[in-house]
């Protein structure tokens, strides 16, 4: 058994990355338990495993004392000195107590320990692989589903897609491939548990990083994302190079880049707007595709009042208030939308910023280019 065990441990060390010393220590500890269980022994013992010849020797360990209270754990100094005169009180005497038929039990125990450790090591490697991929996008195959989860095979592990991470109305067909976003990886007694999402804003971010080289290379930066998964999303972008059109880079020629992402998300509409540190400009941009006449800012309450043309009030608000709600999430500002007529009657329009907004409209195409507008349509009731 010696050479077989040695070869097995060497192979495990090379293939699974499991330290031979760790395995030997685990086997020895298991052999101690096996000895006590199979031979009804309660004394303190130690097992010495010799990898070279495969021998396994059990030693009973007894404390050398002046007066013995438990002969299973202690030995009198007089008796210890008969074995070796060098023993003194407080020393530990070891005496071989290996049973004759211990080899068979030991071999079975060693096999069980090695199998268990291999399983634990494999789980550990899988955990380390996927915990490093948290907040990343992966492609898997839908395997099955129950009342709570869709289970997606990622190859080495099966990930769970909970109900609250599924896009409402999206069809999940067995054996179809699906891109998902890893939100959490946990250790469990049954191995690593990977939780994935289709609704997380990070999925949208990663998809743009995959489709837009300028984002991946850091030339264009995604500043914020507001998402109502399966229906509509808004992202704000800025270019770190003045010669690059951030929005144009994300949309792509004839809308090809963003359309690929829309297809991956089964038709989810995506508004791409330019980020600005000026809240007036940013809020106006965020209300795309509505035209904005004016933005009044209240710094203390971090709120804005936005004036839009009468005929675009419903477009600015959106179905069930979605456009305004997403714009508020995207910018971090509260947004109150008023029609031009109501704003004039309230005496808040025109204001000092009205002319500025008009200029921004001309420079930044606030009427929005035909590609984006035709791609998504309008939001009117």
Protein backbone atom coordinates (compact mmCIF):
# COMPACT_ATOMS: atom_id res chain seq x y z
CA UNK A 1 0.00 0.00 0.00
CA UNK A 2 2.94 2.32 0.62
CA UNK A 3 3.91 3.01 -2.99
CA UNK A 4 0.24 3.27 -4.07
CA UNK A 5 -0.52 5.81 -1.35
CA UNK A 6 2.64 7.76 -2.13
CA UNK A 7 1.79 7.83 -5.86
CA UNK A 8 -1.78 8.91 -5.12
CA UNK A 9 -0.68 11.76 -2.86
CA UNK A 10 1.90 12.91 -5.40
CA UNK A 11 -0.72 12.93 -8.18
CA UNK A 12 -3.18 14.88 -6.02
CA UNK A 13 -0.52 17.42 -5.16
CA UNK A 14 0.25 17.98 -8.85
CA UNK A 15 -3.26 17.82 -10.30
CA UNK A 16 -5.45 19.25 -7.55
CA UNK A 17 -2.98 21.51 -5.80
CA UNK A 18 -3.54 19.75 -2.47
CA UNK A 19 -0.47 19.77 -0.23
CA UNK A 20 0.82 16.29 0.60
CA UNK A 21 1.51 17.37 4.18
CA UNK A 22 -2.08 18.53 4.57
CA UNK A 23 -3.35 15.18 3.30
CA UNK A 24 -1.05 13.17 5.57
CA UNK A 25 -2.11 15.23 8.58
CA UNK A 26 -5.78 14.67 7.70
CA UNK A 27 -5.26 10.92 7.23
CA UNK A 28 -3.46 10.59 10.56
CA UNK A 29 -6.25 12.47 12.36
CA UNK A 30 -8.86 10.23 10.72
CA UNK A 31 -6.92 7.11 11.69
CA UNK A 32 -6.96 8.20 15.33
CA UNK A 33 -10.74 8.51 15.17
CA UNK A 34 -11.03 5.15 13.39
CA UNK A 35 -8.87 3.43 16.03
CA UNK A 36 -10.93 4.77 18.92
CA UNK A 37 -14.25 3.93 17.22
CA UNK A 38 -13.36 0.42 16.05
CA UNK A 39 -11.45 -0.72 19.10
CA UNK A 40 -13.44 1.06 21.80
CA UNK A 41 -10.39 2.86 23.07
CA UNK A 42 -10.53 6.16 24.94
CA UNK A 43 -6.84 6.74 25.53
CA UNK A 44 -4.82 9.54 23.96
CA UNK A 45 -3.22 8.12 20.83
CA UNK A 46 -1.12 9.22 17.90
CA UNK A 47 -0.83 7.57 14.47
CA UNK A 48 2.44 7.66 12.56
CA UNK A 49 1.99 7.22 8.80
CA UNK A 50 5.10 6.16 6.91
CA UNK A 51 4.69 6.99 3.22
CA UNK A 52 7.76 5.06 2.14
CA UNK A 53 6.62 1.62 3.26
CA UNK A 54 2.93 2.29 3.92
CA UNK A 55 3.13 1.32 7.58
CA UNK A 56 0.74 2.84 10.07
CA UNK A 57 1.70 2.64 13.71
CA UNK A 58 -0.58 3.60 16.60
CA UNK A 59 1.07 4.98 19.74
CA UNK A 60 -0.73 5.38 23.06
CA UNK A 61 0.35 8.63 24.73
CA UNK A 62 0.42 8.74 28.53
CA UNK A 63 1.45 11.50 30.87
CA UNK A 64 4.14 10.53 33.40
CA UNK A 65 2.75 11.31 36.88
CA UNK A 66 3.54 10.64 40.51
CA UNK A 67 0.13 9.09 41.27
CA UNK A 68 -2.07 7.51 38.59
CA UNK A 69 -5.78 8.46 38.52
CA UNK A 70 -6.63 7.16 35.03
CA UNK A 71 -4.42 4.41 33.67
CA UNK A 72 -5.70 5.03 30.13
CA UNK A 73 -4.14 8.50 30.12
CA UNK A 74 -1.40 8.31 32.77
CA UNK A 75 1.54 6.14 33.84
CA UNK A 76 3.37 6.15 37.16
CA UNK A 77 6.91 7.49 37.19
CA UNK A 78 8.19 4.17 38.51
CA UNK A 79 6.74 2.22 35.60
CA UNK A 80 7.92 4.81 33.09
CA UNK A 81 11.49 4.54 34.37
CA UNK A 82 11.38 0.78 33.84
CA UNK A 83 10.87 1.53 30.15
CA UNK A 84 13.41 4.35 30.02
CA UNK A 85 15.25 5.76 33.09
CA UNK A 86 15.33 9.18 31.43
CA UNK A 87 11.58 9.76 31.94
CA UNK A 88 10.54 12.41 34.45
CA UNK A 89 7.22 13.64 35.84
CA UNK A 90 5.46 15.75 33.21
CA UNK A 91 6.92 13.87 30.24
CA UNK A 92 4.74 12.04 27.70
CA UNK A 93 5.42 8.36 27.17
CA UNK A 94 4.48 6.76 23.87
CA UNK A 95 3.83 3.04 23.60
CA UNK A 96 2.89 1.15 20.42
CA UNK A 97 -0.62 -0.29 20.54
CA UNK A 98 -1.23 -1.05 16.86
CA UNK A 99 -3.93 -3.76 16.52
CA UNK A 100 -3.17 -6.71 14.25
CA UNK A 101 -6.03 -6.04 11.82
CA UNK A 102 -5.61 -2.26 11.82
CA UNK A 103 -4.19 -2.23 8.27
CA UNK A 104 -7.51 -2.97 6.59
CA UNK A 105 -9.34 -0.32 8.61
CA UNK A 106 -6.52 2.14 8.04
CA UNK A 107 -6.56 1.64 4.27
CA UNK A 108 -10.32 2.18 4.08
CA UNK A 109 -10.09 5.26 6.29
CA UNK A 110 -7.24 6.72 4.25
CA UNK A 111 -9.25 6.26 1.05
CA UNK A 112 -12.26 8.04 2.57
CA UNK A 113 -10.15 10.95 3.78
CA UNK A 114 -8.41 11.38 0.44
CA UNK A 115 -11.76 11.32 -1.40
CA UNK A 116 -13.24 13.87 0.98
CA UNK A 117 -10.23 16.16 0.77
CA UNK A 118 -10.21 15.96 -3.02
CA UNK A 119 -13.89 16.95 -3.05
CA UNK A 120 -13.22 19.83 -0.65
CA UNK A 121 -10.24 20.99 -2.69
CA UNK A 122 -12.23 20.95 -5.92
CA UNK A 123 -15.00 22.94 -4.26
CA UNK A 124 -12.41 25.36 -2.92
CA UNK A 125 -10.88 25.87 -6.36
CA UNK A 126 -14.31 26.44 -7.90
CA UNK A 127 -15.19 28.91 -5.15
CA UNK A 128 -11.94 30.84 -5.68
CA UNK A 129 -12.51 30.92 -9.43
CA UNK A 130 -16.04 32.29 -9.22
CA UNK A 131 -15.61 34.59 -6.21
CA UNK A 132 -13.03 36.41 -8.33
CA UNK A 133 -15.69 36.79 -11.03
CA UNK A 134 -18.24 38.50 -8.79
CA UNK A 135 -19.62 41.58 -10.57
CA UNK A 136 -18.74 40.04 -13.91
CA UNK A 137 -20.82 38.68 -16.78
CA UNK A 138 -20.79 35.00 -17.78
CA UNK A 139 -22.63 32.88 -20.32
CA UNK A 140 -24.37 29.73 -19.17
CA UNK A 141 -26.93 27.14 -20.23
CA UNK A 142 -30.36 26.96 -18.61
CA UNK A 143 -30.65 23.53 -17.01
CA UNK A 144 -33.89 23.48 -15.01
CA UNK A 145 -36.18 25.51 -12.81
CA UNK A 146 -38.29 25.17 -9.70
CA UNK A 147 -40.76 27.43 -7.92
CA UNK A 148 -38.02 29.82 -6.78
CA UNK A 149 -35.02 29.64 -9.10
CA UNK A 150 -33.81 29.12 -12.64
CA UNK A 151 -30.65 27.01 -12.59
CA UNK A 152 -27.94 27.96 -15.06
CA UNK A 153 -24.96 25.71 -15.76
CA UNK A 154 -21.70 27.64 -15.90
CA UNK A 155 -19.63 24.53 -16.60
CA UNK A 156 -18.04 23.69 -13.27
CA UNK A 157 -20.91 24.94 -11.14
CA UNK A 158 -24.66 25.44 -11.35
CA UNK A 159 -25.75 29.02 -10.62
CA UNK A 160 -29.11 30.07 -9.23
CA UNK A 161 -31.14 32.84 -10.86
CA UNK A 162 -33.72 33.81 -8.18
CA UNK A 163 -37.21 35.06 -9.03
CA UNK A 164 -36.38 38.63 -7.98
CA UNK A 165 -33.37 38.62 -10.34
CA UNK A 166 -35.38 37.45 -13.36
CA UNK A 167 -36.74 39.85 -15.96
CA UNK A 168 -40.51 39.80 -15.82
CA UNK A 169 -41.95 38.26 -18.97
CA UNK A 170 -38.62 36.90 -20.19
CA UNK A 171 -38.77 33.28 -21.40
CA UNK A 172 -36.19 30.89 -19.91
CA UNK A 173 -36.12 27.79 -22.07
CA UNK A 174 -34.10 24.69 -21.02
CA UNK A 175 -30.80 24.26 -22.87
CA UNK A 176 -30.86 27.84 -24.21
CA UNK A 177 -27.80 30.01 -23.58
CA UNK A 178 -28.07 33.06 -21.38
CA UNK A 179 -25.79 35.88 -20.28
CA UNK A 180 -26.03 36.52 -16.54
CA UNK A 181 -24.33 38.77 -14.00
CA UNK A 182 -22.69 37.20 -10.92
CA UNK A 183 -23.88 39.05 -7.81
CA UNK A 184 -22.76 36.75 -5.01
CA UNK A 185 -20.65 33.63 -4.39
CA UNK A 186 -20.97 31.84 -1.04
CA UNK A 187 -19.37 28.80 0.59
CA UNK A 188 -21.86 26.15 1.67
CA UNK A 189 -21.60 22.58 2.98
CA UNK A 190 -22.63 21.38 -0.47
CA UNK A 191 -20.04 23.48 -2.28
CA UNK A 192 -19.95 27.01 -3.66
CA UNK A 193 -23.30 28.66 -4.34
CA UNK A 194 -23.33 31.19 -7.17
CA UNK A 195 -26.18 33.73 -7.40
CA UNK A 196 -26.70 35.45 -10.75
CA UNK A 197 -28.95 38.20 -12.06
CA UNK A 198 -30.59 39.42 -15.25
CA UNK A 199 -31.93 42.63 -13.67
CA UNK A 200 -28.80 44.09 -12.07
CA UNK A 201 -27.54 47.39 -13.59
CA UNK A 202 -24.09 45.81 -13.65
CA UNK A 203 -25.27 43.47 -16.43
CA UNK A 204 -25.94 46.49 -18.62
CA UNK A 205 -22.54 47.99 -17.75
CA UNK A 206 -20.70 44.78 -18.66
CA UNK A 207 -22.62 44.40 -21.92
CA UNK A 208 -21.56 47.89 -22.98
CA UNK A 209 -17.95 47.11 -22.01
CA UNK A 210 -18.13 44.04 -24.27
CA UNK A 211 -19.69 45.82 -27.24
CA UNK A 212 -18.00 49.23 -27.08
CA UNK A 213 -14.17 49.12 -27.35
CA UNK A 214 -13.92 52.75 -26.24
CA UNK A 215 -15.50 51.85 -22.89
CA UNK A 216 -13.29 48.79 -22.42
CA UNK A 217 -10.20 50.86 -23.18
CA UNK A 218 -11.26 53.68 -20.83
CA UNK A 219 -11.69 56.30 -23.55
CA UNK A 220 -15.41 56.49 -22.76
CA UNK A 221 -16.64 56.12 -19.19
CA UNK A 222 -20.06 55.03 -17.95
CA UNK A 223 -20.91 57.47 -15.14
CA UNK A 224 -24.30 56.20 -14.00
CA UNK A 225 -27.03 53.71 -14.85
CA UNK A 226 -30.75 53.70 -14.10
CA UNK A 227 -32.57 50.53 -15.05
CA UNK A 228 -36.05 49.09 -14.96
CA UNK A 229 -35.10 45.68 -16.28
CA UNK A 230 -37.00 44.38 -19.28
CA UNK A 231 -38.59 47.72 -20.03
CA UNK A 232 -36.25 50.72 -20.20
CA UNK A 233 -32.83 51.88 -19.04
CA UNK A 234 -30.79 55.05 -19.16
CA UNK A 235 -27.02 55.33 -19.00
CA UNK A 236 -24.88 58.45 -18.84
CA UNK A 237 -21.47 58.49 -20.48
CA UNK A 238 -18.56 60.88 -20.86
CA UNK A 239 -15.46 60.87 -23.07
CA UNK A 240 -11.99 61.26 -21.59
CA UNK A 241 -10.85 62.42 -25.02
CA UNK A 242 -12.38 65.61 -26.41
CA UNK A 243 -12.21 64.24 -29.95
CA UNK A 244 -14.46 61.28 -29.10
CA UNK A 245 -18.25 61.43 -29.17
CA UNK A 246 -19.20 59.35 -26.12
CA UNK A 247 -22.85 58.86 -27.07
CA UNK A 248 -22.01 58.11 -30.70
CA UNK A 249 -19.41 55.52 -29.68
CA UNK A 250 -22.00 53.68 -27.56
CA UNK A 251 -24.73 53.84 -30.21
CA UNK A 252 -22.40 52.68 -32.98
CA UNK A 253 -22.77 53.00 -36.73
CA UNK A 254 -26.50 52.96 -37.57
CA UNK A 255 -27.18 51.98 -33.95
CA UNK A 256 -25.44 48.59 -34.36
CA UNK A 257 -23.66 48.49 -30.99
CA UNK A 258 -26.59 49.44 -28.81
CA UNK A 259 -28.94 47.29 -30.90
CA UNK A 260 -26.83 44.22 -30.06
CA UNK A 261 -27.34 44.95 -26.37
CA UNK A 262 -31.05 45.62 -26.87
CA UNK A 263 -31.35 42.22 -28.58
CA UNK A 264 -29.50 40.50 -25.72
CA UNK A 265 -31.99 42.04 -23.28
CA UNK A 266 -34.95 41.03 -25.46
CA UNK A 267 -35.97 44.50 -26.55
CA UNK A 268 -35.25 46.54 -23.43
CA UNK A 269 -35.10 50.18 -24.54
CA UNK A 270 -31.87 52.02 -23.75
CA UNK A 271 -31.38 55.79 -23.69
CA UNK A 272 -27.74 56.88 -23.87
CA UNK A 273 -27.12 60.45 -22.69
CA UNK A 274 -24.06 62.58 -22.11
CA UNK A 275 -23.01 63.13 -18.51
CA UNK A 276 -22.19 66.61 -17.22
CA UNK A 277 -21.05 67.90 -13.85
CA UNK A 278 -23.46 70.79 -14.37
CA UNK A 279 -26.86 69.59 -13.04
CA UNK A 280 -28.71 71.86 -15.47
CA UNK A 281 -27.13 70.19 -18.48
CA UNK A 282 -27.17 66.69 -16.97
CA UNK A 283 -30.85 66.79 -15.98
CA UNK A 284 -31.77 68.17 -19.40
CA UNK A 285 -29.81 65.38 -21.08
CA UNK A 286 -31.31 62.73 -18.80
CA UNK A 287 -34.87 63.53 -19.86
CA UNK A 288 -34.10 62.32 -23.39
CA UNK A 289 -35.88 62.01 -25.76
CA UNK A 290 -37.88 65.04 -24.55
CA UNK A 291 -36.84 68.57 -25.49
CA UNK A 292 -36.07 70.74 -22.43
CA UNK A 293 -36.60 74.51 -22.34
CA UNK A 294 -35.29 75.29 -18.86
CA UNK A 295 -33.96 73.70 -15.67
CA UNK A 296 -34.27 75.48 -12.31
CA UNK A 297 -31.97 74.09 -9.63
CA UNK A 298 -32.45 74.05 -5.84
CA UNK A 299 -29.02 73.11 -4.48
CA UNK A 300 -30.14 72.84 -0.84
CA UNK A 301 -32.86 70.28 -1.54
CA UNK A 302 -31.00 68.78 -4.51
CA UNK A 303 -34.14 69.20 -6.60
CA UNK A 304 -34.89 70.64 -10.03
CA UNK A 305 -37.90 72.05 -11.83
CA UNK A 306 -37.79 71.28 -15.54
CA UNK A 307 -39.78 73.20 -18.14
CA UNK A 308 -40.71 71.40 -21.35
CA UNK A 309 -42.84 72.38 -24.37
CA UNK A 310 -46.55 71.73 -23.82
CA UNK A 311 -46.69 69.12 -26.56
CA UNK A 312 -43.81 67.16 -25.01
CA UNK A 313 -45.04 67.04 -21.41
CA UNK A 314 -46.27 63.45 -21.64
CA UNK A 315 -43.06 62.44 -23.45
CA UNK A 316 -40.92 63.98 -20.70
CA UNK A 317 -42.91 62.26 -17.96
CA UNK A 318 -43.18 58.96 -19.81
CA UNK A 319 -45.57 56.06 -19.36
CA UNK A 320 -46.49 55.79 -15.68
CA UNK A 321 -43.83 58.42 -14.99
CA UNK A 322 -41.03 56.12 -16.13
CA UNK A 323 -38.95 58.62 -18.10
CA UNK A 324 -38.91 61.14 -15.25
CA UNK A 325 -38.28 58.41 -12.67
CA UNK A 326 -35.30 56.98 -14.57
CA UNK A 327 -33.89 60.47 -15.16
CA UNK A 328 -34.05 61.16 -11.42
CA UNK A 329 -32.26 57.87 -10.63
CA UNK A 330 -29.66 58.56 -13.29
CA UNK A 331 -28.81 62.07 -12.08
CA UNK A 332 -29.43 61.74 -8.36
CA UNK A 333 -31.63 64.88 -8.48
CA UNK A 334 -35.35 65.18 -7.77
CA UNK A 335 -37.15 66.27 -10.92
CA UNK A 336 -40.44 68.15 -11.12
CA UNK A 337 -41.64 68.61 -14.72
CA UNK A 338 -43.85 71.51 -15.78
CA UNK A 339 -45.29 72.43 -19.16
CA UNK A 340 -44.25 75.74 -20.71
CA UNK A 341 -47.75 77.19 -20.18
CA UNK A 342 -47.86 76.26 -16.47
CA UNK A 343 -44.32 77.56 -15.95
CA UNK A 344 -45.18 80.91 -17.54
CA UNK A 345 -48.33 81.21 -15.42
CA UNK A 346 -46.28 80.42 -12.31
CA UNK A 347 -43.78 83.11 -13.30
CA UNK A 348 -40.79 80.76 -13.31
CA UNK A 349 -40.21 80.74 -17.07
CA UNK A 350 -38.30 82.16 -18.79
CA UNK A 351 -35.44 82.32 -16.27
CA UNK A 352 -31.74 83.19 -16.35
CA UNK A 353 -30.89 79.67 -17.54
CA UNK A 354 -33.44 79.56 -20.37
CA UNK A 355 -31.12 81.01 -22.97
CA UNK A 356 -28.34 78.68 -21.81
CA UNK A 357 -30.57 75.64 -22.19
CA UNK A 358 -31.55 76.77 -25.68
CA UNK A 359 -27.88 76.97 -26.61
CA UNK A 360 -27.21 73.53 -25.17
CA UNK A 361 -30.09 72.19 -27.24
CA UNK A 362 -28.39 73.41 -30.41
CA UNK A 363 -24.94 72.09 -29.51
CA UNK A 364 -25.94 68.74 -28.06
CA UNK A 365 -28.82 67.90 -30.40
CA UNK A 366 -31.46 67.87 -27.69
CA UNK A 367 -34.01 67.10 -30.34
CA UNK A 368 -32.03 63.81 -30.60
CA UNK A 369 -30.68 62.30 -33.73
CA UNK A 370 -32.86 60.21 -35.99
CA UNK A 371 -31.04 56.96 -35.26
CA UNK A 372 -31.77 56.95 -31.55
CA UNK A 373 -35.26 58.38 -31.86
CA UNK A 374 -36.33 55.94 -34.56
CA UNK A 375 -34.70 53.02 -32.75
CA UNK A 376 -36.74 53.39 -29.57
CA UNK A 377 -39.76 55.47 -30.59
CA UNK A 378 -41.34 57.95 -28.19
CA UNK A 379 -42.82 57.55 -24.72
CA UNK A 380 -46.04 59.43 -25.20
CA UNK A 381 -49.16 58.14 -23.46
